[in-house]
Amino acid sequence: RALDQAREAGDEVRAHQIQAEIDHH
């Protein structure tokens, strides 16, 4: 959900950070 919100806000840096959290969960 946080990833979707970052994408909707156009925040690519935040989206990349969240995706890294997902990959290293």
PDB file of all heavy atoms in Angstrom:
ATOM      1  N   ARG A   1       0.835  -1.208   0.000  1.00  0.00           N
ATOM      2  CA  ARG A   1       0.000   0.000   0.000  1.00  0.00           C
ATOM      3  C   ARG A   1       0.869   1.256   0.000  1.00  0.00           C
ATOM      4  O   ARG A   1       0.548   2.244  -0.681  1.00  0.00           O
ATOM      5  CB  ARG A   1      -0.928  -0.017   1.211  1.00  0.00           C
ATOM      6  CG  ARG A   1      -2.046  -1.058   1.078  1.00  0.00           C
ATOM      7  CD  ARG A   1      -3.034  -0.985   2.224  1.00  0.00           C
ATOM      8  NE  ARG A   1      -4.182  -1.859   1.955  1.00  0.00           N
ATOM      9  CZ  ARG A   1      -5.414  -1.616   2.345  1.00  0.00           C
ATOM     10  NH1 ARG A   1      -5.681  -0.502   3.022  1.00  0.00           N
ATOM     11  NH2 ARG A   1      -6.395  -2.461   2.078  1.00  0.00           N
ATOM     12  N   ALA A   2       1.948   1.206   0.761  1.00  0.00           N
ATOM     13  CA  ALA A   2       2.852   2.355   0.784  1.00  0.00           C
ATOM     14  C   ALA A   2       3.503   2.545  -0.585  1.00  0.00           C
ATOM     15  O   ALA A   2       3.716   3.691  -1.033  1.00  0.00           O
ATOM     16  CB  ALA A   2       3.922   2.150   1.855  1.00  0.00           C
ATOM     17  N   LEU A   3       3.801   1.443  -1.261  1.00  0.00           N
ATOM     18  CA  LEU A   3       4.375   1.520  -2.605  1.00  0.00           C
ATOM     19  C   LEU A   3       3.389   2.173  -3.574  1.00  0.00           C
ATOM     20  O   LEU A   3       3.775   3.039  -4.378  1.00  0.00           O
ATOM     21  CB  LEU A   3       4.761   0.118  -3.079  1.00  0.00           C
ATOM     22  CG  LEU A   3       5.345   0.003  -4.492  1.00  0.00           C
ATOM     23  CD1 LEU A   3       6.636   0.806  -4.611  1.00  0.00           C
ATOM     24  CD2 LEU A   3       5.592  -1.471  -4.840  1.00  0.00           C
ATOM     25  N   ASP A   4       2.128   1.754  -3.474  1.00  0.00           N
ATOM     26  CA  ASP A   4       1.101   2.348  -4.343  1.00  0.00           C
ATOM     27  C   ASP A   4       0.968   3.849  -4.086  1.00  0.00           C
ATOM     28  O   ASP A   4       0.839   4.649  -5.027  1.00  0.00           O
ATOM     29  CB  ASP A   4      -0.241   1.661  -4.118  1.00  0.00           C
ATOM     30  CG  ASP A   4      -0.258   0.223  -4.620  1.00  0.00           C
ATOM     31  OD1 ASP A   4       0.609  -0.118  -5.446  1.00  0.00           O
ATOM     32  OD2 ASP A   4      -1.128  -0.553  -4.174  1.00  0.00           O
ATOM     33  N   GLN A   5       1.016   4.242  -2.824  1.00  0.00           N
ATOM     34  CA  GLN A   5       0.896   5.665  -2.486  1.00  0.00           C
ATOM     35  C   GLN A   5       2.080   6.460  -3.031  1.00  0.00           C
ATOM     36  O   GLN A   5       1.921   7.581  -3.542  1.00  0.00           O
ATOM     37  CB  GLN A   5       0.791   5.828  -0.969  1.00  0.00           C
ATOM     38  CG  GLN A   5      -0.521   5.322  -0.387  1.00  0.00           C
ATOM     39  CD  GLN A   5      -0.489   5.243   1.137  1.00  0.00           C
ATOM     40  OE1 GLN A   5       0.500   5.617   1.773  1.00  0.00           O
ATOM     41  NE2 GLN A   5      -1.579   4.761   1.731  1.00  0.00           N
ATOM     42  N   ALA A   6       3.285   5.887  -2.935  1.00  0.00           N
ATOM     43  CA  ALA A   6       4.473   6.561  -3.452  1.00  0.00           C
ATOM     44  C   ALA A   6       4.385   6.724  -4.965  1.00  0.00           C
ATOM     45  O   ALA A   6       4.755   7.774  -5.521  1.00  0.00           O
ATOM     46  CB  ALA A   6       5.730   5.792  -3.063  1.00  0.00           C
ATOM     47  N   ARG A   7       3.897   5.711  -5.618  1.00  0.00           N
ATOM     48  CA  ARG A   7       3.741   5.790  -7.079  1.00  0.00           C
ATOM     49  C   ARG A   7       2.721   6.860  -7.463  1.00  0.00           C
ATOM     50  O   ARG A   7       2.952   7.651  -8.390  1.00  0.00           O
ATOM     51  CB  ARG A   7       3.306   4.431  -7.623  1.00  0.00           C
ATOM     52  CG  ARG A   7       4.403   3.368  -7.635  1.00  0.00           C
ATOM     53  CD  ARG A   7       3.807   2.020  -8.011  1.00  0.00           C
ATOM     54  NE  ARG A   7       4.817   0.979  -8.173  1.00  0.00           N
ATOM     55  CZ  ARG A   7       4.507  -0.310  -8.343  1.00  0.00           C
ATOM     56  NH1 ARG A   7       3.243  -0.690  -8.384  1.00  0.00           N
ATOM     57  NH2 ARG A   7       5.473  -1.196  -8.498  1.00  0.00           N
ATOM     58  N   GLU A   8       1.592   6.868  -6.743  1.00  0.00           N
ATOM     59  CA  GLU A   8       0.542   7.849  -7.044  1.00  0.00           C
ATOM     60  C   GLU A   8       1.043   9.273  -6.824  1.00  0.00           C
ATOM     61  O   GLU A   8       0.629  10.204  -7.525  1.00  0.00           O
ATOM     62  CB  GLU A   8      -0.690   7.577  -6.171  1.00  0.00           C
ATOM     63  CG  GLU A   8      -1.440   6.304  -6.550  1.00  0.00           C
ATOM     64  CD  GLU A   8      -2.510   5.931  -5.535  1.00  0.00           C
ATOM     65  OE1 GLU A   8      -2.746   6.732  -4.604  1.00  0.00           O
ATOM     66  OE2 GLU A   8      -3.107   4.841  -5.662  1.00  0.00           O
ATOM     67  N   ALA A   9       1.931   9.439  -5.851  1.00  0.00           N
ATOM     68  CA  ALA A   9       2.483  10.765  -5.563  1.00  0.00           C
ATOM     69  C   ALA A   9       3.639  11.110  -6.486  1.00  0.00           C
ATOM     70  O   ALA A   9       4.183  12.223  -6.414  1.00  0.00           O
ATOM     71  CB  ALA A   9       2.941  10.829  -4.110  1.00  0.00           C
ATOM     72  N   GLY A  10       4.034  10.160  -7.338  1.00  0.00           N
ATOM     73  CA  GLY A  10       5.154  10.394  -8.237  1.00  0.00           C
ATOM     74  C   GLY A  10       6.498  10.434  -7.542  1.00  0.00           C
ATOM     75  O   GLY A  10       7.461  10.984  -8.073  1.00  0.00           O
ATOM     76  N   ASP A  11       6.594   9.841  -6.352  1.00  0.00           N
ATOM     77  CA  ASP A  11       7.836   9.851  -5.572  1.00  0.00           C
ATOM     78  C   ASP A  11       8.637   8.586  -5.895  1.00  0.00           C
ATOM     79  O   ASP A  11       8.539   7.561  -5.220  1.00  0.00           O
ATOM     80  CB  ASP A  11       7.496   9.912  -4.075  1.00  0.00           C
ATOM     81  CG  ASP A  11       8.715  10.170  -3.193  1.00  0.00           C
ATOM     82  OD1 ASP A  11       9.846   9.977  -3.685  1.00  0.00           O
ATOM     83  OD2 ASP A  11       8.526  10.551  -2.025  1.00  0.00           O
ATOM     84  N   GLU A  12       9.457   8.661  -6.915  1.00  0.00           N
ATOM     85  CA  GLU A  12      10.199   7.493  -7.370  1.00  0.00           C
ATOM     86  C   GLU A  12      11.254   7.048  -6.348  1.00  0.00           C
ATOM     87  O   GLU A  12      11.535   5.861  -6.209  1.00  0.00           O
ATOM     88  CB  GLU A  12      10.859   7.783  -8.709  1.00  0.00           C
ATOM     89  CG  GLU A  12       9.859   7.969  -9.855  1.00  0.00           C
ATOM     90  CD  GLU A  12      10.562   8.158 -11.187  1.00  0.00           C
ATOM     91  OE1 GLU A  12      11.800   7.973 -11.239  1.00  0.00           O
ATOM     92  OE2 GLU A  12       9.864   8.482 -12.169  1.00  0.00           O
ATOM     93  N   VAL A  13      11.851   7.996  -5.667  1.00  0.00           N
ATOM     94  CA  VAL A  13      12.864   7.654  -4.666  1.00  0.00           C
ATOM     95  C   VAL A  13      12.233   6.824  -3.545  1.00  0.00           C
ATOM     96  O   VAL A  13      12.763   5.787  -3.142  1.00  0.00           O
ATOM     97  CB  VAL A  13      13.517   8.928  -4.083  1.00  0.00           C
ATOM     98  CG1 VAL A  13      14.446   8.564  -2.917  1.00  0.00           C
ATOM     99  CG2 VAL A  13      14.276   9.663  -5.170  1.00  0.00           C
ATOM    100  N   ARG A  14      11.084   7.311  -3.049  1.00  0.00           N
ATOM    101  CA  ARG A  14      10.398   6.564  -1.991  1.00  0.00           C
ATOM    102  C   ARG A  14       9.931   5.206  -2.498  1.00  0.00           C
ATOM    103  O   ARG A  14      10.039   4.204  -1.784  1.00  0.00           O
ATOM    104  CB  ARG A  14       9.204   7.389  -1.484  1.00  0.00           C
ATOM    105  CG  ARG A  14       8.378   6.719  -0.396  1.00  0.00           C
ATOM    106  CD  ARG A  14       9.202   6.437   0.833  1.00  0.00           C
ATOM    107  NE  ARG A  14       8.427   5.773   1.871  1.00  0.00           N
ATOM    108  CZ  ARG A  14       8.922   4.872   2.719  1.00  0.00           C
ATOM    109  NH1 ARG A  14      10.214   4.529   2.655  1.00  0.00           N
ATOM    110  NH2 ARG A  14       8.155   4.327   3.634  1.00  0.00           N
ATOM    111  N   ALA A  15       9.435   5.157  -3.712  1.00  0.00           N
ATOM    112  CA  ALA A  15       8.983   3.887  -4.280  1.00  0.00           C
ATOM    113  C   ALA A  15      10.143   2.891  -4.366  1.00  0.00           C
ATOM    114  O   ALA A  15       9.982   1.697  -4.064  1.00  0.00           O
ATOM    115  CB  ALA A  15       8.377   4.116  -5.656  1.00  0.00           C
ATOM    116  N   HIS A  16      11.317   3.386  -4.746  1.00  0.00           N
ATOM    117  CA  HIS A  16      12.495   2.520  -4.837  1.00  0.00           C
ATOM    118  C   HIS A  16      12.897   2.014  -3.446  1.00  0.00           C
ATOM    119  O   HIS A  16      13.268   0.839  -3.278  1.00  0.00           O
ATOM    120  CB  HIS A  16      13.654   3.294  -5.468  1.00  0.00           C
ATOM    121  CG  HIS A  16      14.901   2.474  -5.643  1.00  0.00           C
ATOM    122  ND1 HIS A  16      15.042   1.530  -6.636  1.00  0.00           N
ATOM    123  CD2 HIS A  16      16.067   2.456  -4.927  1.00  0.00           C
ATOM    124  CE1 HIS A  16      16.235   0.967  -6.530  1.00  0.00           C
ATOM    125  NE2 HIS A  16      16.874   1.515  -5.502  1.00  0.00           N
ATOM    126  N   GLN A  17      12.815   2.873  -2.434  1.00  0.00           N
ATOM    127  CA  GLN A  17      13.147   2.468  -1.064  1.00  0.00           C
ATOM    128  C   GLN A  17      12.195   1.371  -0.576  1.00  0.00           C
ATOM    129  O   GLN A  17      12.623   0.389   0.039  1.00  0.00           O
ATOM    130  CB  GLN A  17      13.075   3.678  -0.133  1.00  0.00           C
ATOM    131  CG  GLN A  17      14.176   4.706  -0.358  1.00  0.00           C
ATOM    132  CD  GLN A  17      13.970   5.967   0.468  1.00  0.00           C
ATOM    133  OE1 GLN A  17      12.851   6.249   0.922  1.00  0.00           O
ATOM    134  NE2 GLN A  17      15.037   6.739   0.659  1.00  0.00           N
ATOM    135  N   ILE A  18      10.915   1.562  -0.858  1.00  0.00           N
ATOM    136  CA  ILE A  18       9.923   0.581  -0.397  1.00  0.00           C
ATOM    137  C   ILE A  18      10.128  -0.752  -1.111  1.00  0.00           C
ATOM    138  O   ILE A  18      10.025  -1.825  -0.498  1.00  0.00           O
ATOM    139  CB  ILE A  18       8.498   1.115  -0.623  1.00  0.00           C
ATOM    140  CG1 ILE A  18       8.248   2.340   0.259  1.00  0.00           C
ATOM    141  CG2 ILE A  18       7.458   0.031  -0.326  1.00  0.00           C
ATOM    142  CD1 ILE A  18       6.984   3.096  -0.074  1.00  0.00           C
ATOM    143  N   GLN A  19      10.420  -0.700  -2.389  1.00  0.00           N
ATOM    144  CA  GLN A  19      10.647  -1.941  -3.124  1.00  0.00           C
ATOM    145  C   GLN A  19      11.856  -2.688  -2.565  1.00  0.00           C
ATOM    146  O   GLN A  19      11.858  -3.919  -2.485  1.00  0.00           O
ATOM    147  CB  GLN A  19      10.850  -1.646  -4.611  1.00  0.00           C
ATOM    148  CG  GLN A  19      10.862  -2.894  -5.480  1.00  0.00           C
ATOM    149  CD  GLN A  19      10.683  -2.552  -6.940  1.00  0.00           C
ATOM    150  OE1 GLN A  19       9.688  -1.949  -7.337  1.00  0.00           O
ATOM    151  NE2 GLN A  19      11.661  -2.942  -7.748  1.00  0.00           N
ATOM    152  N   ALA A  20      12.874  -1.960  -2.152  1.00  0.00           N
ATOM    153  CA  ALA A  20      14.037  -2.595  -1.523  1.00  0.00           C
ATOM    154  C   ALA A  20      13.633  -3.254  -0.202  1.00  0.00           C
ATOM    155  O   ALA A  20      14.111  -4.348   0.137  1.00  0.00           O
ATOM    156  CB  ALA A  20      15.135  -1.562  -1.294  1.00  0.00           C
ATOM    157  N   GLU A  21      12.747  -2.598   0.561  1.00  0.00           N
ATOM    158  CA  GLU A  21      12.246  -3.199   1.808  1.00  0.00           C
ATOM    159  C   GLU A  21      11.489  -4.486   1.516  1.00  0.00           C
ATOM    160  O   GLU A  21      11.592  -5.463   2.268  1.00  0.00           O
ATOM    161  CB  GLU A  21      11.338  -2.206   2.533  1.00  0.00           C
ATOM    162  CG  GLU A  21      12.060  -1.017   3.154  1.00  0.00           C
ATOM    163  CD  GLU A  21      11.090  -0.114   3.919  1.00  0.00           C
ATOM    164  OE1 GLU A  21      10.306  -0.638   4.743  1.00  0.00           O
ATOM    165  OE2 GLU A  21      11.094   1.111   3.666  1.00  0.00           O
ATOM    166  N   ILE A  22      10.719  -4.485   0.458  1.00  0.00           N
ATOM    167  CA  ILE A  22       9.980  -5.701   0.072  1.00  0.00           C
ATOM    168  C   ILE A  22      10.964  -6.814  -0.281  1.00  0.00           C
ATOM    169  O   ILE A  22      10.809  -7.965   0.153  1.00  0.00           O
ATOM    170  CB  ILE A  22       9.039  -5.392  -1.115  1.00  0.00           C
ATOM    171  CG1 ILE A  22       7.928  -4.431  -0.680  1.00  0.00           C
ATOM    172  CG2 ILE A  22       8.436  -6.683  -1.675  1.00  0.00           C
ATOM    173  CD1 ILE A  22       7.121  -3.849  -1.829  1.00  0.00           C
ATOM    174  N   ASP A  23      11.982  -6.471  -1.088  1.00  0.00           N
ATOM    175  CA  ASP A  23      12.964  -7.478  -1.516  1.00  0.00           C
ATOM    176  C   ASP A  23      13.735  -8.062  -0.346  1.00  0.00           C
ATOM    177  O   ASP A  23      14.162  -9.224  -0.397  1.00  0.00           O
ATOM    178  CB  ASP A  23      13.946  -6.865  -2.520  1.00  0.00           C
ATOM    179  CG  ASP A  23      13.314  -6.596  -3.874  1.00  0.00           C
ATOM    180  OD1 ASP A  23      12.243  -7.189  -4.156  1.00  0.00           O
ATOM    181  OD2 ASP A  23      13.878  -5.785  -4.642  1.00  0.00           O
ATOM    182  N   HIS A  24      13.935  -7.276   0.711  1.00  0.00           N
ATOM    183  CA  HIS A  24      14.729  -7.725   1.861  1.00  0.00           C
ATOM    184  C   HIS A  24      13.863  -7.986   3.096  1.00  0.00           C
ATOM    185  O   HIS A  24      14.371  -8.001   4.221  1.00  0.00           O
ATOM    186  CB  HIS A  24      15.805  -6.688   2.183  1.00  0.00           C
ATOM    187  CG  HIS A  24      16.811  -6.513   1.099  1.00  0.00           C
ATOM    188  ND1 HIS A  24      16.701  -5.536   0.126  1.00  0.00           N
ATOM    189  CD2 HIS A  24      17.941  -7.212   0.783  1.00  0.00           C
ATOM    190  CE1 HIS A  24      17.713  -5.624  -0.721  1.00  0.00           C
ATOM    191  NE2 HIS A  24      18.479  -6.627  -0.345  1.00  0.00           N
ATOM    192  N   HIS A  25      12.597  -8.223   2.885  1.00  0.00           N
ATOM    193  CA  HIS A  25      11.685  -8.453   4.011  1.00  0.00           C
ATOM    194  C   HIS A  25      12.109  -9.691   4.802  1.00  0.00           C
ATOM    195  O   HIS A  25      12.374 -10.756   4.224  1.00  0.00           O
ATOM    196  CB  HIS A  25      10.250  -8.641   3.503  1.00  0.00           C
ATOM    197  CG  HIS A  25       9.263  -8.951   4.583  1.00  0.00           C
ATOM    198  ND1 HIS A  25       8.830 -10.235   4.861  1.00  0.00           N
ATOM    199  CD2 HIS A  25       8.636  -8.135   5.471  1.00  0.00           C
ATOM    200  CE1 HIS A  25       7.976 -10.193   5.856  1.00  0.00           C
ATOM    201  NE2 HIS A  25       7.839  -8.942   6.247  1.00  0.00           N
TER     202      HIS A  25
END
